[in-house]
């Protein structure tokens, strides 16, 4: 039987986009405490492996992150650490043991600068797509995203220019179909 999964590309010092979803798309990370926990774990694990997070967003049943690797071949181990540690903590909160929290993840090796910025914009536009906010002007109100940090760092005009220069592509036909 032919395998339809393309090979993963793992490159050192390379930007990646990762989407990960919960088992059966259940909202295991729906509460603020759970989103805070996942955010902290993402940043701690990435730091432990010397990966640098550039953009991120967390929802009730999935997340997206853009990061730069140190050692590309460690990417599966990094995601496994995030998922393993977060599953243990979420199950502790719910007084469950051994329950599967994460279904799978999808990694994508960013090809060039335009590809990077389109994925960057996709991550930051995602709260609108999923109905957490209703307009671009309200993106700053969604606290489980790096959008606000980028506005503080670069300014509102910069982020608007970024949206215009690199239009948002709908990558979700594949990436949110976890």
N, C-alpha and C. Protein backbone atom coordinates (compact mmCIF):
# COMPACT_ATOMS: atom_id res chain seq x y z
N UNK A 1 0.84 -1.18 0.00
CA UNK A 1 0.00 0.00 0.00
C UNK A 1 0.89 1.25 0.00
N UNK A 2 0.56 2.21 -0.82
CA UNK A 2 1.36 3.41 -0.97
C UNK A 2 1.09 4.38 0.18
N UNK A 3 2.16 4.94 0.73
CA UNK A 3 2.05 5.94 1.79
C UNK A 3 1.80 7.30 1.15
N UNK A 4 0.74 7.98 1.56
CA UNK A 4 0.38 9.27 0.97
C UNK A 4 0.93 10.44 1.76
N UNK A 5 1.66 10.18 2.83
CA UNK A 5 2.23 11.26 3.62
C UNK A 5 3.57 11.66 3.03
N UNK A 6 3.72 12.95 2.74
CA UNK A 6 5.02 13.39 2.22
C UNK A 6 6.07 13.31 3.32
N UNK A 7 7.32 13.21 2.95
CA UNK A 7 8.37 13.17 3.98
C UNK A 7 8.47 14.52 4.68
N UNK A 8 8.82 14.50 5.95
CA UNK A 8 9.03 15.73 6.69
C UNK A 8 10.40 16.29 6.32
N UNK A 9 10.48 17.60 6.29
CA UNK A 9 11.73 18.28 6.00
C UNK A 9 12.20 18.90 7.31
N UNK A 10 13.31 18.45 7.83
CA UNK A 10 13.84 18.98 9.08
C UNK A 10 15.20 19.63 8.83
N UNK A 11 15.23 20.95 8.96
CA UNK A 11 16.42 21.74 8.64
C UNK A 11 16.81 22.56 9.87
N UNK A 12 18.09 22.65 10.14
CA UNK A 12 18.59 23.48 11.23
C UNK A 12 18.43 24.95 10.89
N UNK A 13 18.18 25.75 11.94
CA UNK A 13 18.08 27.22 11.79
C UNK A 13 17.08 27.62 10.70
N UNK A 14 15.93 26.98 10.73
CA UNK A 14 14.90 27.21 9.71
C UNK A 14 13.58 27.54 10.40
N UNK A 15 12.76 28.37 9.74
CA UNK A 15 11.44 28.69 10.27
C UNK A 15 10.45 27.59 9.89
N UNK A 16 9.57 27.28 10.85
CA UNK A 16 8.50 26.29 10.66
C UNK A 16 7.19 26.86 11.15
N UNK A 17 6.12 26.39 10.54
CA UNK A 17 4.76 26.66 10.97
C UNK A 17 4.19 25.32 11.43
N UNK A 18 3.63 25.30 12.64
CA UNK A 18 3.03 24.07 13.16
C UNK A 18 1.60 24.36 13.58
N UNK A 19 0.71 23.46 13.22
CA UNK A 19 -0.67 23.44 13.67
C UNK A 19 -0.87 22.14 14.43
N UNK A 20 -1.49 22.22 15.59
CA UNK A 20 -1.79 21.01 16.36
C UNK A 20 -3.21 21.09 16.88
N UNK A 21 -3.90 19.96 16.87
CA UNK A 21 -5.29 19.91 17.29
C UNK A 21 -5.54 18.87 18.36
N UNK A 22 -6.57 19.13 19.12
CA UNK A 22 -6.95 18.20 20.18
C UNK A 22 -7.69 16.99 19.60
N UNK A 23 -7.71 15.94 20.38
CA UNK A 23 -8.38 14.70 20.01
C UNK A 23 -9.87 14.96 19.82
N UNK A 24 -10.40 14.58 18.68
CA UNK A 24 -11.80 14.80 18.29
C UNK A 24 -12.21 16.27 18.35
N UNK A 25 -11.22 17.16 18.28
CA UNK A 25 -11.46 18.61 18.30
C UNK A 25 -12.21 19.06 19.56
N UNK A 26 -12.03 18.34 20.64
CA UNK A 26 -12.65 18.68 21.92
C UNK A 26 -11.94 19.90 22.50
N UNK A 27 -12.67 20.81 23.11
CA UNK A 27 -12.12 22.05 23.65
C UNK A 27 -11.38 21.89 24.97
N UNK A 28 -10.41 21.02 25.00
CA UNK A 28 -9.64 20.76 26.22
C UNK A 28 -8.88 21.98 26.72
N UNK A 29 -8.59 22.92 25.84
CA UNK A 29 -7.85 24.11 26.26
C UNK A 29 -8.73 25.36 26.18
N UNK A 30 -10.02 25.19 26.50
CA UNK A 30 -10.99 26.26 26.38
C UNK A 30 -10.92 27.33 27.45
N UNK A 31 -10.45 27.00 28.63
CA UNK A 31 -10.42 27.98 29.72
C UNK A 31 -9.10 28.74 29.73
N UNK A 32 -9.14 29.94 30.29
CA UNK A 32 -7.94 30.79 30.36
C UNK A 32 -6.78 30.06 31.01
N UNK A 33 -7.01 29.39 32.12
CA UNK A 33 -5.94 28.70 32.84
C UNK A 33 -5.24 27.66 31.95
N UNK A 34 -6.01 27.02 31.10
CA UNK A 34 -5.45 25.99 30.21
C UNK A 34 -4.66 26.62 29.07
N UNK A 35 -5.17 27.72 28.55
CA UNK A 35 -4.44 28.43 27.49
C UNK A 35 -3.13 28.99 28.05
N UNK A 36 -3.20 29.56 29.26
CA UNK A 36 -1.98 30.07 29.90
C UNK A 36 -0.97 28.95 30.11
N UNK A 37 -1.45 27.80 30.54
CA UNK A 37 -0.60 26.63 30.76
C UNK A 37 0.08 26.21 29.46
N UNK A 38 -0.71 26.10 28.39
CA UNK A 38 -0.16 25.69 27.10
C UNK A 38 0.85 26.71 26.59
N UNK A 39 0.52 27.99 26.70
CA UNK A 39 1.44 29.04 26.26
C UNK A 39 2.77 28.92 27.01
N UNK A 40 2.71 28.78 28.32
CA UNK A 40 3.93 28.66 29.12
C UNK A 40 4.75 27.43 28.72
N UNK A 41 4.07 26.32 28.50
CA UNK A 41 4.77 25.10 28.08
C UNK A 41 5.41 25.25 26.71
N UNK A 42 4.69 25.85 25.78
CA UNK A 42 5.25 26.08 24.44
C UNK A 42 6.55 26.87 24.56
N UNK A 43 6.50 27.99 25.28
CA UNK A 43 7.68 28.84 25.38
C UNK A 43 8.81 28.17 26.16
N UNK A 44 8.48 27.47 27.23
CA UNK A 44 9.52 26.79 28.01
C UNK A 44 10.20 25.67 27.24
N UNK A 45 9.39 24.83 26.60
CA UNK A 45 9.97 23.72 25.83
C UNK A 45 10.78 24.24 24.65
N UNK A 46 10.23 25.21 23.94
CA UNK A 46 10.97 25.79 22.81
C UNK A 46 12.30 26.36 23.28
N UNK A 47 12.29 27.05 24.41
CA UNK A 47 13.51 27.62 24.96
C UNK A 47 14.51 26.52 25.35
N UNK A 48 14.00 25.45 25.96
CA UNK A 48 14.87 24.32 26.34
C UNK A 48 15.63 23.76 25.15
N UNK A 49 15.00 23.76 23.98
CA UNK A 49 15.62 23.22 22.77
C UNK A 49 16.26 24.31 21.90
N UNK A 50 16.30 25.53 22.45
CA UNK A 50 16.87 26.68 21.74
C UNK A 50 16.13 26.98 20.43
N UNK A 51 14.82 26.77 20.47
CA UNK A 51 13.95 27.17 19.37
C UNK A 51 13.39 28.56 19.74
N UNK A 52 13.21 29.42 18.75
CA UNK A 52 12.72 30.77 18.98
C UNK A 52 11.32 30.93 18.40
N UNK A 53 10.35 31.26 19.26
CA UNK A 53 8.96 31.45 18.83
C UNK A 53 8.81 32.86 18.28
N UNK A 54 8.26 32.97 17.07
CA UNK A 54 8.02 34.26 16.44
C UNK A 54 6.55 34.68 16.49
N UNK A 55 5.66 33.75 16.25
CA UNK A 55 4.23 34.05 16.22
C UNK A 55 3.47 32.85 16.76
N UNK A 56 2.35 33.13 17.45
CA UNK A 56 1.57 32.04 18.04
C UNK A 56 0.14 32.49 18.27
N UNK A 57 -0.74 31.51 18.32
CA UNK A 57 -2.13 31.74 18.70
C UNK A 57 -2.67 30.43 19.27
N UNK A 58 -3.48 30.55 20.33
CA UNK A 58 -4.03 29.37 20.99
C UNK A 58 -5.55 29.51 21.05
N UNK A 59 -6.25 28.44 20.67
CA UNK A 59 -7.71 28.39 20.73
C UNK A 59 -8.15 27.23 21.62
N UNK A 60 -9.46 27.01 21.69
CA UNK A 60 -10.01 25.97 22.57
C UNK A 60 -9.58 24.57 22.17
N UNK A 61 -9.36 24.34 20.88
CA UNK A 61 -9.07 22.97 20.42
C UNK A 61 -7.87 22.86 19.47
N UNK A 62 -7.14 23.93 19.28
CA UNK A 62 -5.93 23.86 18.45
C UNK A 62 -5.06 25.09 18.66
N UNK A 63 -3.86 25.01 18.12
CA UNK A 63 -2.97 26.16 18.16
C UNK A 63 -2.13 26.20 16.89
N UNK A 64 -1.55 27.37 16.63
CA UNK A 64 -0.62 27.58 15.53
C UNK A 64 0.61 28.28 16.09
N UNK A 65 1.79 27.88 15.64
CA UNK A 65 3.01 28.58 16.03
C UNK A 65 3.97 28.66 14.84
N UNK A 66 4.72 29.75 14.81
CA UNK A 66 5.84 29.90 13.89
C UNK A 66 7.08 30.04 14.75
N UNK A 67 8.09 29.27 14.43
CA UNK A 67 9.31 29.30 15.24
C UNK A 67 10.51 28.98 14.36
N UNK A 68 11.67 29.31 14.89
CA UNK A 68 12.93 28.99 14.22
C UNK A 68 13.62 27.87 15.00
N UNK A 69 14.03 26.85 14.28
CA UNK A 69 14.69 25.71 14.90
C UNK A 69 16.15 26.02 15.21
N UNK A 70 16.70 25.26 16.12
CA UNK A 70 18.16 25.20 16.25
C UNK A 70 18.58 23.93 15.51
N UNK A 71 18.11 22.81 16.00
CA UNK A 71 18.33 21.52 15.33
C UNK A 71 16.99 21.04 14.77
N UNK A 72 16.88 21.02 13.46
CA UNK A 72 15.62 20.64 12.82
C UNK A 72 15.15 19.25 13.15
N UNK A 73 16.08 18.31 13.27
CA UNK A 73 15.69 16.91 13.52
C UNK A 73 15.04 16.73 14.89
N UNK A 74 15.15 17.73 15.77
CA UNK A 74 14.52 17.64 17.10
C UNK A 74 13.06 18.09 17.11
N UNK A 75 12.58 18.61 15.98
CA UNK A 75 11.21 19.14 15.93
C UNK A 75 10.17 18.14 16.45
N UNK A 76 10.14 16.88 16.03
CA UNK A 76 9.14 15.95 16.57
C UNK A 76 9.26 15.77 18.09
N UNK A 77 10.47 15.79 18.59
CA UNK A 77 10.69 15.65 20.03
C UNK A 77 10.17 16.88 20.79
N UNK A 78 10.35 18.06 20.21
CA UNK A 78 9.88 19.30 20.81
C UNK A 78 8.35 19.29 20.91
N UNK A 79 7.68 18.95 19.83
CA UNK A 79 6.22 18.91 19.83
C UNK A 79 5.73 17.81 20.78
N UNK A 80 6.39 16.67 20.80
CA UNK A 80 6.01 15.59 21.72
C UNK A 80 6.13 16.05 23.17
N UNK A 81 7.16 16.83 23.48
CA UNK A 81 7.33 17.33 24.85
C UNK A 81 6.21 18.31 25.21
N UNK A 82 5.87 19.20 24.30
CA UNK A 82 4.77 20.14 24.55
C UNK A 82 3.47 19.38 24.77
N UNK A 83 3.18 18.43 23.90
CA UNK A 83 1.93 17.68 23.99
C UNK A 83 1.90 16.77 25.21
N UNK A 84 3.00 16.11 25.49
CA UNK A 84 3.04 15.21 26.65
C UNK A 84 2.85 15.96 27.96
N UNK A 85 3.61 17.03 28.14
CA UNK A 85 3.52 17.81 29.38
C UNK A 85 2.16 18.48 29.53
N UNK A 86 1.63 19.04 28.45
CA UNK A 86 0.33 19.70 28.54
C UNK A 86 -0.78 18.69 28.79
N UNK A 87 -0.71 17.52 28.19
CA UNK A 87 -1.73 16.48 28.43
C UNK A 87 -1.73 16.06 29.89
N UNK A 88 -0.56 15.88 30.47
CA UNK A 88 -0.48 15.51 31.89
C UNK A 88 -1.13 16.59 32.76
N UNK A 89 -0.81 17.84 32.49
CA UNK A 89 -1.34 18.94 33.31
C UNK A 89 -2.85 19.12 33.11
N UNK A 90 -3.32 19.02 31.88
CA UNK A 90 -4.77 19.15 31.63
C UNK A 90 -5.51 17.99 32.29
N UNK A 91 -4.97 16.81 32.22
CA UNK A 91 -5.60 15.66 32.87
C UNK A 91 -5.60 15.80 34.39
N UNK A 92 -4.57 16.42 34.95
CA UNK A 92 -4.55 16.70 36.40
C UNK A 92 -5.69 17.64 36.77
N UNK A 93 -5.86 18.69 35.97
CA UNK A 93 -6.93 19.66 36.23
C UNK A 93 -8.28 18.95 36.23
N UNK A 94 -8.48 18.04 35.29
CA UNK A 94 -9.77 17.34 35.14
C UNK A 94 -9.86 16.05 35.97
N UNK A 95 -8.80 15.77 36.75
CA UNK A 95 -8.75 14.55 37.56
C UNK A 95 -8.97 13.29 36.71
N UNK A 96 -8.25 13.26 35.59
CA UNK A 96 -8.28 12.12 34.66
C UNK A 96 -6.87 11.57 34.56
N UNK A 97 -6.76 10.32 34.19
CA UNK A 97 -5.43 9.75 33.94
C UNK A 97 -5.41 9.07 32.57
N UNK A 98 -4.35 9.33 31.84
CA UNK A 98 -4.14 8.65 30.58
C UNK A 98 -5.04 9.04 29.43
N UNK A 99 -5.87 10.04 29.61
CA UNK A 99 -6.78 10.46 28.54
C UNK A 99 -5.98 11.16 27.43
N UNK A 100 -6.28 10.83 26.19
CA UNK A 100 -5.60 11.45 25.06
C UNK A 100 -6.14 12.87 24.87
N UNK A 101 -5.24 13.83 24.84
CA UNK A 101 -5.61 15.23 24.64
C UNK A 101 -5.33 15.66 23.20
N UNK A 102 -4.15 15.32 22.70
CA UNK A 102 -3.73 15.77 21.37
C UNK A 102 -3.93 14.66 20.35
N UNK A 103 -4.38 15.07 19.17
CA UNK A 103 -4.58 14.09 18.10
C UNK A 103 -3.33 13.97 17.26
N UNK A 104 -2.93 15.04 16.63
CA UNK A 104 -1.74 15.04 15.79
C UNK A 104 -1.34 16.47 15.53
N UNK A 105 -0.23 16.65 14.86
CA UNK A 105 0.19 17.98 14.46
C UNK A 105 0.65 17.94 13.01
N UNK A 106 0.74 19.10 12.44
CA UNK A 106 1.15 19.26 11.05
C UNK A 106 2.28 20.27 11.03
N UNK A 107 3.44 19.91 10.51
CA UNK A 107 4.55 20.86 10.42
C UNK A 107 4.81 21.22 8.96
N UNK A 108 5.20 22.44 8.77
CA UNK A 108 5.45 22.97 7.43
C UNK A 108 6.74 23.79 7.47
N UNK A 109 7.67 23.46 6.63
CA UNK A 109 8.93 24.19 6.52
C UNK A 109 8.70 25.43 5.66
N UNK A 110 8.87 26.59 6.24
CA UNK A 110 8.64 27.84 5.52
C UNK A 110 9.73 28.03 4.46
N UNK A 111 9.30 28.35 3.25
CA UNK A 111 10.18 28.31 2.08
C UNK A 111 10.97 29.59 1.82
N UNK A 112 10.34 30.74 2.09
CA UNK A 112 11.00 32.01 1.76
C UNK A 112 10.34 33.13 2.56
N UNK A 113 10.80 34.36 2.35
CA UNK A 113 10.30 35.49 3.14
C UNK A 113 8.80 35.72 2.93
N UNK A 114 8.35 35.67 1.69
CA UNK A 114 6.92 35.86 1.42
C UNK A 114 6.09 34.78 2.11
N UNK A 115 6.54 33.55 2.05
CA UNK A 115 5.87 32.43 2.71
C UNK A 115 5.80 32.66 4.22
N UNK A 116 6.90 33.13 4.80
CA UNK A 116 6.94 33.43 6.23
C UNK A 116 5.85 34.44 6.60
N UNK A 117 5.84 35.57 5.89
CA UNK A 117 4.91 36.65 6.25
C UNK A 117 3.46 36.26 6.00
N UNK A 118 3.19 35.47 5.01
CA UNK A 118 1.81 35.01 4.80
C UNK A 118 1.36 34.09 5.94
N UNK A 119 2.24 33.23 6.40
CA UNK A 119 1.90 32.39 7.55
C UNK A 119 1.79 33.23 8.82
N UNK A 120 2.65 34.21 8.98
CA UNK A 120 2.60 35.14 10.10
C UNK A 120 1.24 35.83 10.15
N UNK A 121 0.80 36.33 9.00
CA UNK A 121 -0.51 36.99 8.93
C UNK A 121 -1.64 36.00 9.17
N UNK A 122 -1.51 34.80 8.67
CA UNK A 122 -2.53 33.77 8.90
C UNK A 122 -2.69 33.50 10.40
N UNK A 123 -1.58 33.34 11.10
CA UNK A 123 -1.63 33.10 12.55
C UNK A 123 -2.38 34.23 13.24
N UNK A 124 -2.06 35.46 12.89
CA UNK A 124 -2.65 36.61 13.58
C UNK A 124 -4.07 36.93 13.14
N UNK A 125 -4.46 36.49 11.98
CA UNK A 125 -5.83 36.69 11.51
C UNK A 125 -6.77 35.59 12.01
N UNK A 126 -6.21 34.50 12.50
CA UNK A 126 -7.00 33.33 12.88
C UNK A 126 -8.08 33.59 13.93
N UNK A 127 -7.90 34.50 14.91
CA UNK A 127 -9.00 34.77 15.85
C UNK A 127 -10.26 35.30 15.16
N UNK A 128 -10.11 35.98 14.03
CA UNK A 128 -11.28 36.43 13.26
C UNK A 128 -11.92 35.22 12.58
N UNK A 129 -11.11 34.41 11.95
CA UNK A 129 -11.61 33.23 11.24
C UNK A 129 -12.45 32.34 12.15
N UNK A 130 -12.00 32.17 13.38
CA UNK A 130 -12.69 31.27 14.31
C UNK A 130 -13.70 31.97 15.21
N UNK A 131 -13.96 33.26 14.97
CA UNK A 131 -15.01 33.97 15.68
C UNK A 131 -14.67 34.44 17.09
N UNK A 132 -13.40 34.49 17.45
CA UNK A 132 -13.01 34.99 18.77
C UNK A 132 -13.05 36.51 18.82
N UNK A 133 -12.80 37.16 17.69
CA UNK A 133 -12.99 38.60 17.51
C UNK A 133 -13.64 38.80 16.15
N UNK A 134 -14.20 40.00 15.94
CA UNK A 134 -14.95 40.19 14.70
C UNK A 134 -14.25 41.04 13.64
N UNK A 135 -13.26 41.82 14.02
CA UNK A 135 -12.58 42.67 13.04
C UNK A 135 -11.08 42.73 13.31
N UNK A 136 -10.36 43.19 12.31
CA UNK A 136 -8.91 43.38 12.46
C UNK A 136 -8.61 44.36 13.59
N UNK A 137 -9.45 45.38 13.72
CA UNK A 137 -9.25 46.38 14.77
C UNK A 137 -9.33 45.76 16.17
N UNK A 138 -10.05 44.65 16.30
CA UNK A 138 -10.21 44.00 17.61
C UNK A 138 -9.23 42.86 17.87
N UNK A 139 -8.32 42.61 16.94
CA UNK A 139 -7.36 41.51 17.13
C UNK A 139 -6.54 41.69 18.40
N UNK A 140 -6.27 42.94 18.76
CA UNK A 140 -5.48 43.21 19.96
C UNK A 140 -6.19 42.79 21.24
N UNK A 141 -7.49 42.57 21.18
CA UNK A 141 -8.24 42.17 22.38
C UNK A 141 -8.15 40.67 22.65
N UNK A 142 -7.70 39.90 21.68
CA UNK A 142 -7.55 38.46 21.89
C UNK A 142 -6.18 38.21 22.52
N UNK A 143 -6.18 37.81 23.77
CA UNK A 143 -4.95 37.75 24.57
C UNK A 143 -4.11 36.50 24.34
N UNK A 144 -4.63 35.51 23.65
CA UNK A 144 -3.88 34.27 23.44
C UNK A 144 -3.27 34.23 22.04
N UNK A 145 -2.58 35.31 21.73
CA UNK A 145 -1.95 35.49 20.43
C UNK A 145 -0.76 36.43 20.59
N UNK A 146 0.18 36.31 19.70
CA UNK A 146 1.34 37.20 19.71
C UNK A 146 1.05 38.53 19.02
N UNK A 147 -0.17 38.71 18.50
CA UNK A 147 -0.51 39.92 17.76
C UNK A 147 -0.23 41.18 18.57
N UNK A 148 -0.72 41.24 19.80
CA UNK A 148 -0.53 42.43 20.64
C UNK A 148 0.94 42.74 20.89
N UNK A 149 1.73 41.71 21.07
CA UNK A 149 3.17 41.91 21.26
C UNK A 149 3.83 42.52 20.04
N UNK A 150 3.40 42.08 18.86
CA UNK A 150 3.97 42.63 17.63
C UNK A 150 3.53 44.08 17.43
N UNK A 151 2.28 44.41 17.80
CA UNK A 151 1.82 45.80 17.69
C UNK A 151 2.65 46.68 18.62
N UNK A 152 2.89 46.21 19.85
CA UNK A 152 3.72 46.99 20.80
C UNK A 152 5.14 47.15 20.28
N UNK A 153 5.67 46.10 19.70
CA UNK A 153 7.07 46.10 19.23
C UNK A 153 7.26 46.94 17.97
N UNK A 154 6.34 46.81 17.01
CA UNK A 154 6.53 47.43 15.69
C UNK A 154 5.54 48.55 15.37
N UNK A 155 4.42 48.60 16.09
CA UNK A 155 3.41 49.61 15.84
C UNK A 155 2.26 49.11 14.98
N UNK A 156 1.12 49.76 15.13
CA UNK A 156 -0.09 49.37 14.41
C UNK A 156 0.06 49.56 12.90
N UNK A 157 0.71 50.65 12.49
CA UNK A 157 0.89 50.89 11.05
C UNK A 157 1.71 49.77 10.41
N UNK A 158 2.73 49.29 11.13
CA UNK A 158 3.56 48.20 10.61
C UNK A 158 2.73 46.94 10.38
N UNK A 159 1.89 46.59 11.35
CA UNK A 159 1.10 45.35 11.24
C UNK A 159 0.08 45.47 10.12
N UNK A 160 -0.54 46.65 9.97
CA UNK A 160 -1.50 46.87 8.88
C UNK A 160 -0.79 46.77 7.53
N UNK A 161 0.40 47.36 7.44
CA UNK A 161 1.19 47.26 6.21
C UNK A 161 1.55 45.81 5.91
N UNK A 162 1.87 45.07 6.95
CA UNK A 162 2.21 43.65 6.79
C UNK A 162 1.01 42.87 6.22
N UNK A 163 -0.19 43.15 6.75
CA UNK A 163 -1.40 42.50 6.23
C UNK A 163 -1.63 42.85 4.77
N UNK A 164 -1.37 44.10 4.40
CA UNK A 164 -1.58 44.53 3.01
C UNK A 164 -0.53 43.95 2.07
N UNK A 165 0.72 43.98 2.50
CA UNK A 165 1.83 43.54 1.65
C UNK A 165 1.82 42.03 1.41
N UNK A 166 1.39 41.28 2.43
CA UNK A 166 1.38 39.81 2.34
C UNK A 166 -0.03 39.32 2.66
N UNK A 167 -0.92 39.33 1.67
CA UNK A 167 -2.32 38.96 1.92
C UNK A 167 -2.46 37.59 2.56
N UNK A 168 -3.47 37.48 3.38
CA UNK A 168 -3.72 36.24 4.10
C UNK A 168 -4.23 35.18 3.14
N UNK A 169 -3.54 34.06 3.14
CA UNK A 169 -3.97 32.91 2.36
C UNK A 169 -4.70 31.97 3.31
N UNK A 170 -5.69 31.27 2.81
CA UNK A 170 -6.39 30.30 3.65
C UNK A 170 -5.68 28.96 3.54
N UNK A 171 -4.79 28.71 4.48
CA UNK A 171 -4.05 27.46 4.52
C UNK A 171 -4.87 26.35 5.15
N UNK A 172 -6.07 26.66 5.62
CA UNK A 172 -6.82 25.74 6.48
C UNK A 172 -7.36 24.52 5.79
N UNK A 173 -7.44 24.51 4.50
CA UNK A 173 -7.97 23.32 3.83
C UNK A 173 -7.19 22.08 4.24
N UNK A 174 -5.89 22.25 4.50
CA UNK A 174 -5.07 21.13 4.96
C UNK A 174 -4.73 21.24 6.43
N UNK A 175 -4.33 22.41 6.86
CA UNK A 175 -3.73 22.56 8.17
C UNK A 175 -4.70 22.47 9.34
N UNK A 176 -5.94 22.92 9.18
CA UNK A 176 -6.88 22.81 10.29
C UNK A 176 -7.67 21.51 10.21
N UNK A 177 -7.37 20.68 9.25
CA UNK A 177 -8.06 19.40 9.09
C UNK A 177 -7.26 18.31 9.79
N UNK A 178 -7.14 18.46 11.11
CA UNK A 178 -6.31 17.53 11.87
C UNK A 178 -7.10 16.36 12.32
